[in-house]
C-alpha atoms as a PDB file:
ATOM      1  CA  UNK A   1     115.897 -86.232 -30.859  1.00  0.00           C
ATOM      2  CA  UNK A   2     117.399 -85.228 -27.519  1.00  0.00           C
ATOM      3  CA  UNK A   3     114.077 -85.796 -25.758  1.00  0.00           C
ATOM      4  CA  UNK A   4     113.617 -89.229 -27.272  1.00  0.00           C
ATOM      5  CA  UNK A   5     117.188 -90.353 -26.692  1.00  0.00           C
ATOM      6  CA  UNK A   6     117.378 -89.461 -23.002  1.00  0.00           C
ATOM      7  CA  UNK A   7     113.914 -90.862 -22.197  1.00  0.00           C
ATOM      8  CA  UNK A   8     114.565 -94.194 -23.903  1.00  0.00           C
ATOM      9  CA  UNK A   9     117.899 -94.530 -22.068  1.00  0.00           C
ATOM     10  CA  UNK A  10     116.354 -93.689 -18.700  1.00  0.00           C
ATOM     11  CA  UNK A  11     113.446 -96.083 -19.257  1.00  0.00           C
ATOM     12  CA  UNK A  12     115.898 -98.949 -19.791  1.00  0.00           C
ATOM     13  CA  UNK A  13     117.831 -98.046 -16.627  1.00  0.00           C
ATOM     14  CA  UNK A  14     114.633 -97.612 -14.623  1.00  0.00           C
ATOM     15  CA  UNK A  15     113.400-101.042 -15.710  1.00  0.00           C
ATOM     16  CA  UNK A  16     116.624-102.772 -14.655  1.00  0.00           C
ATOM     17  CA  UNK A  17     117.516-100.703 -11.600  1.00  0.00           C
ATOM     18  CA  UNK A  18     114.410-100.914  -9.406  1.00  0.00           C
ATOM     19  CA  UNK A  19     116.277-102.927  -6.770  1.00  0.00           C
ATOM     20  CA  UNK A  20     118.785-100.101  -6.302  1.00  0.00           C
ATOM     21  CA  UNK A  21     116.047 -97.477  -6.218  1.00  0.00           C
ATOM     22  CA  UNK A  22     114.322 -99.100  -3.205  1.00  0.00           C
ATOM     23  CA  UNK A  23     117.503-100.525  -1.681  1.00  0.00           C
ATOM     24  CA  UNK A  24     117.590 -98.464   1.515  1.00  0.00           C
ATOM     25  CA  UNK A  25     114.040 -99.107   2.650  1.00  0.00           C
ATOM     26  CA  UNK A  26     113.676-102.719   1.508  1.00  0.00           C
ATOM     27  CA  UNK A  27     117.151-104.106   2.159  1.00  0.00           C
ATOM     28  CA  UNK A  28     119.313-102.059   4.539  1.00  0.00           C
ATOM     29  CA  UNK A  29     116.676-100.862   7.014  1.00  0.00           C
ATOM     30  CA  UNK A  30     115.020-104.297   7.267  1.00  0.00           C
ATOM     31  CA  UNK A  31     118.272-106.274   7.279  1.00  0.00           C
ATOM     32  CA  UNK A  32     117.222-108.205   4.156  1.00  0.00           C
ATOM     33  CA  UNK A  33     120.557-107.419   2.511  1.00  0.00           C
ATOM     34  CA  UNK A  34     122.152-110.002   4.843  1.00  0.00           C
ATOM     35  CA  UNK A  35     120.275-112.729   2.986  1.00  0.00           C
ATOM     36  CA  UNK A  36     121.616-111.526  -0.360  1.00  0.00           C
ATOM     37  CA  UNK A  37     125.155-111.811   0.958  1.00  0.00           C
ATOM     38  CA  UNK A  38     124.568-115.504   1.683  1.00  0.00           C
ATOM     39  CA  UNK A  39     123.678-116.296  -1.917  1.00  0.00           C
ATOM     40  CA  UNK A  40     126.456-117.438  -4.287  1.00  0.00           C
ATOM     41  CA  UNK A  41     125.782-114.656  -6.768  1.00  0.00           C
ATOM     42  CA  UNK A  42     126.884-111.071  -7.166  1.00  0.00           C
ATOM     43  CA  UNK A  43     124.756-108.659  -5.128  1.00  0.00           C
ATOM     44  CA  UNK A  44     124.612-106.408  -8.184  1.00  0.00           C
ATOM     45  CA  UNK A  45     123.128-109.211 -10.266  1.00  0.00           C
ATOM     46  CA  UNK A  46     120.620-110.110  -7.553  1.00  0.00           C
ATOM     47  CA  UNK A  47     119.444-106.514  -7.234  1.00  0.00           C
ATOM     48  CA  UNK A  48     119.170-106.135 -11.012  1.00  0.00           C
ATOM     49  CA  UNK A  49     116.712-109.022 -10.903  1.00  0.00           C
ATOM     50  CA  UNK A  50     114.771-107.613  -7.958  1.00  0.00           C
ATOM     51  CA  UNK A  51     111.781-106.495 -10.000  1.00  0.00           C
ATOM     52  CA  UNK A  52     111.427-106.001 -13.731  1.00  0.00           C
ATOM     53  CA  UNK A  53     108.625-103.447 -13.927  1.00  0.00           C
ATOM     54  CA  UNK A  54     106.526-102.771 -16.979  1.00  0.00           C
ATOM     55  CA  UNK A  55     105.620 -99.234 -15.875  1.00  0.00           C
ATOM     56  CA  UNK A  56     108.618 -97.599 -17.616  1.00  0.00           C
ATOM     57  CA  UNK A  57     107.510 -99.105 -20.934  1.00  0.00           C
ATOM     58  CA  UNK A  58     105.268 -96.066 -21.455  1.00  0.00           C
ATOM     59  CA  UNK A  59     108.259 -93.725 -21.167  1.00  0.00           C
ATOM     60  CA  UNK A  60     110.245 -96.023 -23.457  1.00  0.00           C
ATOM     61  CA  UNK A  61     107.609 -96.115 -26.199  1.00  0.00           C
ATOM     62  CA  UNK A  62     106.946 -92.393 -25.987  1.00  0.00           C
ATOM     63  CA  UNK A  63     110.662 -91.625 -26.157  1.00  0.00           C
ATOM     64  CA  UNK A  64     111.151 -94.031 -29.060  1.00  0.00           C
ATOM     65  CA  UNK A  65     108.268 -92.445 -30.996  1.00  0.00           C
ATOM     66  CA  UNK A  66     109.631 -88.924 -30.467  1.00  0.00           C
ATOM     67  CA  UNK A  67     113.155 -90.077 -31.386  1.00  0.00           C
ATOM     68  CA  UNK A  68     111.953 -91.615 -34.652  1.00  0.00           C
ATOM     69  CA  UNK A  69     109.842 -88.542 -35.436  1.00  0.00           C
ATOM     70  CA  UNK A  70     112.802 -86.251 -34.749  1.00  0.00           C
ATOM     71  CA  UNK A  71     115.061 -88.239 -37.052  1.00  0.00           C
ATOM     72  CA  UNK A  72     112.362 -88.257 -39.735  1.00  0.00           C
ATOM     73  CA  UNK A  73     111.995 -84.466 -39.576  1.00  0.00           C
ATOM     74  CA  UNK A  74     115.702 -83.661 -39.302  1.00  0.00           C
ATOM     75  CA  UNK A  75     117.159 -82.207 -42.528  1.00  0.00           C
ATOM     76  CA  UNK A  76     120.504 -84.024 -42.322  1.00  0.00           C
ATOM     77  CA  UNK A  77     120.789 -87.450 -40.733  1.00  0.00           C
ATOM     78  CA  UNK A  78     124.010 -89.447 -41.001  1.00  0.00           C
ATOM     79  CA  UNK A  79     123.621 -93.074 -42.084  1.00  0.00           C
ATOM     80  CA  UNK A  80     125.868 -93.917 -39.128  1.00  0.00           C
ATOM     81  CA  UNK A  81     123.087 -92.719 -36.790  1.00  0.00           C
ATOM     82  CA  UNK A  82     121.715 -96.274 -37.040  1.00  0.00           C
ATOM     83  CA  UNK A  83     124.831 -97.406 -35.146  1.00  0.00           C
ATOM     84  CA  UNK A  84     125.567 -94.391 -32.963  1.00  0.00           C
ATOM     85  CA  UNK A  85     122.094 -93.879 -31.474  1.00  0.00           C
ATOM     86  CA  UNK A  86     121.714 -97.444 -30.092  1.00  0.00           C
ATOM     87  CA  UNK A  87     125.269 -97.079 -28.739  1.00  0.00           C
ATOM     88  CA  UNK A  88     124.224 -93.778 -27.120  1.00  0.00           C
ATOM     89  CA  UNK A  89     121.084 -95.346 -25.632  1.00  0.00           C
ATOM     90  CA  UNK A  90     123.201 -98.136 -24.128  1.00  0.00           C
ATOM     91  CA  UNK A  91     125.679 -95.595 -22.740  1.00  0.00           C
ATOM     92  CA  UNK A  92     122.867 -93.485 -21.334  1.00  0.00           C
ATOM     93  CA  UNK A  93     121.216 -96.489 -19.703  1.00  0.00           C
ATOM     94  CA  UNK A  94     124.591 -97.436 -18.181  1.00  0.00           C
ATOM     95  CA  UNK A  95     125.055 -93.907 -16.846  1.00  0.00           C
ATOM     96  CA  UNK A  96     121.598 -93.738 -15.226  1.00  0.00           C
ATOM     97  CA  UNK A  97     122.054 -97.239 -13.818  1.00  0.00           C
ATOM     98  CA  UNK A  98     125.337 -96.015 -12.349  1.00  0.00           C
ATOM     99  CA  UNK A  99     123.488 -93.173 -10.623  1.00  0.00           C
ATOM    100  CA  UNK A 100     121.022 -95.659  -9.112  1.00  0.00           C
ATOM    101  CA  UNK A 101     123.879 -97.902  -7.936  1.00  0.00           C
ATOM    102  CA  UNK A 102     125.607 -94.884  -6.397  1.00  0.00           C
ATOM    103  CA  UNK A 103     122.359 -93.945  -4.639  1.00  0.00           C
ATOM    104  CA  UNK A 104     122.090 -97.472  -3.241  1.00  0.00           C
ATOM    105  CA  UNK A 105     125.723 -97.371  -2.057  1.00  0.00           C
ATOM    106  CA  UNK A 106     124.935 -94.213  -0.083  1.00  0.00           C
ATOM    107  CA  UNK A 107     122.203 -96.120   1.740  1.00  0.00           C
ATOM    108  CA  UNK A 108     124.860 -98.047   3.649  1.00  0.00           C
ATOM    109  CA  UNK A 109     125.545 -94.728   5.387  1.00  0.00           C
ATOM    110  CA  UNK A 110     122.152 -93.007   5.331  1.00  0.00           C
ATOM    111  CA  UNK A 111     119.968 -96.191   5.548  1.00  0.00           C
ATOM    112  CA  UNK A 112     117.128 -94.534   3.658  1.00  0.00           C
ATOM    113  CA  UNK A 113     117.601 -93.350   0.081  1.00  0.00           C
ATOM    114  CA  UNK A 114     118.401 -89.667  -0.400  1.00  0.00           C
ATOM    115  CA  UNK A 115     115.829 -87.731  -2.417  1.00  0.00           C
ATOM    116  CA  UNK A 116     118.578 -85.323  -3.488  1.00  0.00           C
ATOM    117  CA  UNK A 117     119.874 -88.022  -5.844  1.00  0.00           C
ATOM    118  CA  UNK A 118     116.725 -87.465  -7.908  1.00  0.00           C
ATOM    119  CA  UNK A 119     118.462 -84.298  -9.113  1.00  0.00           C
ATOM    120  CA  UNK A 120     120.765 -86.615 -11.069  1.00  0.00           C
ATOM    121  CA  UNK A 121     118.113 -89.087 -12.253  1.00  0.00           C
ATOM    122  CA  UNK A 122     114.896 -87.248 -13.032  1.00  0.00           C
ATOM    123  CA  UNK A 123     116.764 -83.940 -13.173  1.00  0.00           C
ATOM    124  CA  UNK A 124     119.212 -85.512 -15.606  1.00  0.00           C
ATOM    125  CA  UNK A 125     116.336 -86.607 -17.832  1.00  0.00           C
ATOM    126  CA  UNK A 126     115.000 -83.051 -17.876  1.00  0.00           C
ATOM    127  CA  UNK A 127     118.405 -81.499 -18.575  1.00  0.00           C
ATOM    128  CA  UNK A 128     119.167 -84.039 -21.314  1.00  0.00           C
ATOM    129  CA  UNK A 129     116.188 -82.835 -23.336  1.00  0.00           C
ATOM    130  CA  UNK A 130     117.818 -79.478 -24.085  1.00  0.00           C
ATOM    131  CA  UNK A 131     120.930 -78.379 -25.981  1.00  0.00           C
ATOM    132  CA  UNK A 132     124.060 -77.934 -23.879  1.00  0.00           C
ATOM    133  CA  UNK A 133     124.285 -74.288 -24.925  1.00  0.00           C
ATOM    134  CA  UNK A 134     121.243 -73.443 -22.760  1.00  0.00           C
ATOM    135  CA  UNK A 135     123.163 -74.005 -19.531  1.00  0.00           C
ATOM    136  CA  UNK A 136     125.764 -71.990 -17.679  1.00  0.00           C
ATOM    137  CA  UNK A 137     129.439 -72.928 -17.880  1.00  0.00           C
ATOM    138  CA  UNK A 138     129.588 -74.633 -14.479  1.00  0.00           C
ATOM    139  CA  UNK A 139     126.542 -76.790 -15.257  1.00  0.00           C
ATOM    140  CA  UNK A 140     127.881 -77.659 -18.720  1.00  0.00           C
ATOM    141  CA  UNK A 141     131.104 -78.853 -17.129  1.00  0.00           C
ATOM    142  CA  UNK A 142     129.215 -80.848 -14.498  1.00  0.00           C
ATOM    143  CA  UNK A 143     127.000 -82.712 -16.970  1.00  0.00           C
ATOM    144  CA  UNK A 144     129.959 -83.353 -19.258  1.00  0.00           C
ATOM    145  CA  UNK A 145     132.820 -84.322 -16.935  1.00  0.00           C
ATOM    146  CA  UNK A 146     131.153 -85.396 -13.651  1.00  0.00           C
ATOM    147  CA  UNK A 147     127.811 -86.824 -14.751  1.00  0.00           C
ATOM    148  CA  UNK A 148     128.483 -87.600 -18.434  1.00  0.00           C
ATOM    149  CA  UNK A 149     124.987 -86.689 -19.613  1.00  0.00           C
ATOM    150  CA  UNK A 150     126.213 -84.637 -22.572  1.00  0.00           C
ATOM    151  CA  UNK A 151     128.498 -87.488 -23.614  1.00  0.00           C
ATOM    152  CA  UNK A 152     125.608 -89.956 -23.914  1.00  0.00           C
ATOM    153  CA  UNK A 153     122.991 -87.598 -25.302  1.00  0.00           C
ATOM    154  CA  UNK A 154     124.068 -84.230 -26.693  1.00  0.00           C
ATOM    155  CA  UNK A 155     127.228 -85.140 -28.618  1.00  0.00           C
ATOM    156  CA  UNK A 156     125.834 -88.346 -30.200  1.00  0.00           C
ATOM    157  CA  UNK A 157     122.851 -86.299 -31.371  1.00  0.00           C
ATOM    158  CA  UNK A 158     125.095 -83.687 -32.982  1.00  0.00           C
ATOM    159  CA  UNK A 159     127.047 -86.443 -34.707  1.00  0.00           C
ATOM    160  CA  UNK A 160     123.914 -88.226 -35.933  1.00  0.00           C
ATOM    161  CA  UNK A 161     122.408 -85.014 -37.323  1.00  0.00           C
ATOM    162  CA  UNK A 162     125.699 -83.771 -38.818  1.00  0.00           C
ATOM    163  CA  UNK A 163     125.304 -80.595 -36.786  1.00  0.00           C
ATOM    164  CA  UNK A 164     128.402 -78.617 -35.731  1.00  0.00           C
ATOM    165  CA  UNK A 165     128.813 -78.002 -32.017  1.00  0.00           C
ATOM    166  CA  UNK A 166     128.302 -74.297 -31.157  1.00  0.00           C
ATOM    167  CA  UNK A 167     130.735 -74.788 -28.271  1.00  0.00           C
ATOM    168  CA  UNK A 168     133.515 -75.899 -30.599  1.00  0.00           C
ATOM    169  CA  UNK A 169     133.857 -79.616 -29.888  1.00  0.00           C
ATOM    170  CA  UNK A 170     134.596 -81.715 -33.002  1.00  0.00           C
ATOM    171  CA  UNK A 171     131.514 -83.515 -34.311  1.00  0.00           C
ATOM    172  CA  UNK A 172     133.229 -86.932 -34.435  1.00  0.00           C
ATOM    173  CA  UNK A 173     133.461 -86.971 -30.638  1.00  0.00           C
ATOM    174  CA  UNK A 174     129.796 -88.000 -30.558  1.00  0.00           C
ATOM    175  CA  UNK A 175     130.657 -91.398 -32.016  1.00  0.00           C
ATOM    176  CA  UNK A 176     132.968 -92.182 -29.087  1.00  0.00           C
ATOM    177  CA  UNK A 177     131.518 -90.234 -26.174  1.00  0.00           C
ATOM    178  CA  UNK A 178     128.839 -92.781 -25.090  1.00  0.00           C
ATOM    179  CA  UNK A 179     131.695 -94.871 -23.701  1.00  0.00           C
ATOM    180  CA  UNK A 180     131.761 -92.320 -20.860  1.00  0.00           C
ATOM    181  CA  UNK A 181     128.450 -93.757 -19.641  1.00  0.00           C
ATOM    182  CA  UNK A 182     130.032 -97.179 -19.234  1.00  0.00           C
ATOM    183  CA  UNK A 183     133.079 -95.642 -17.546  1.00  0.00           C
ATOM    184  CA  UNK A 184     130.759 -93.891 -15.075  1.00  0.00           C
ATOM    185  CA  UNK A 185     128.967 -97.186 -14.408  1.00  0.00           C
ATOM    186  CA  UNK A 186     132.327 -98.875 -13.792  1.00  0.00           C
ATOM    187  CA  UNK A 187     133.257 -96.224 -11.221  1.00  0.00           C
ATOM    188  CA  UNK A 188     129.906 -96.640  -9.445  1.00  0.00           C
ATOM    189  CA  UNK A 189     130.391-100.423  -9.345  1.00  0.00           C
ATOM    190  CA  UNK A 190     133.746 -99.860  -7.626  1.00  0.00           C
ATOM    191  CA  UNK A 191     132.027 -97.536  -5.142  1.00  0.00           C
ATOM    192  CA  UNK A 192     129.363-100.208  -4.573  1.00  0.00           C
ATOM    193  CA  UNK A 193     131.923-102.940  -3.937  1.00  0.00           C
ATOM    194  CA  UNK A 194     133.751-100.706  -1.472  1.00  0.00           C
ATOM    195  CA  UNK A 195     130.477 -99.957   0.331  1.00  0.00           C
ATOM    196  CA  UNK A 196     129.530-103.654   0.503  1.00  0.00           C
ATOM    197  CA  UNK A 197     132.955-104.515   1.919  1.00  0.00           C
ATOM    198  CA  UNK A 198     132.339-102.091   4.770  1.00  0.00           C
ATOM    199  CA  UNK A 199     128.735-103.144   5.417  1.00  0.00           C
ATOM    200  CA  UNK A 200     127.798-103.991   8.980  1.00  0.00           C
ATOM    201  CA  UNK A 201     124.556-105.895   9.502  1.00  0.00           C
ATOM    202  CA  UNK A 202     121.639-104.040  11.017  1.00  0.00           C
ATOM    203  CA  UNK A 203     121.229-106.986  13.394  1.00  0.00           C
ATOM    204  CA  UNK A 204     117.474-107.175  12.882  1.00  0.00           C
END
């Protein structure tokens, strides 16, 4: 269930966020971002429509199949999982999209995208496939309170499967925790707006 949930969420974000993923090389370095600023639309909206790729559909379908299989095989599935899991997928997609927006905002300083951010995107997908108890305390805190990966994946899964948290968090928290993904996205949008306000054209 964890594997399916995090892969479906990332596939949605990857489909929508291609413009932010290639932002440094295609927009800042070439000066093409200047043209976006002239258009009477939000730069975020314009970059979301940069390119809707079909390549992530394979990850989406694979994740969806594994998610359905996991729910089918699970001994105890809450009826409310039908509401919580789509909510968790939306929160997870918002969180990963926030990471991509944050990566693009850094490009105003670094010009090219930083590969280290892949630790949060692809690394986040890998970490989200495993129970939180597998990680050390510092990493658990990081992926819960800094990058809210546990909030959009681990806790909703526990709630949906009626499984008590070995770390002591109340199970009901999983019904509310995906909101952290949207809060993270909101913070990254503020960072983006601040970065755009300080943008100086490359002059090319």
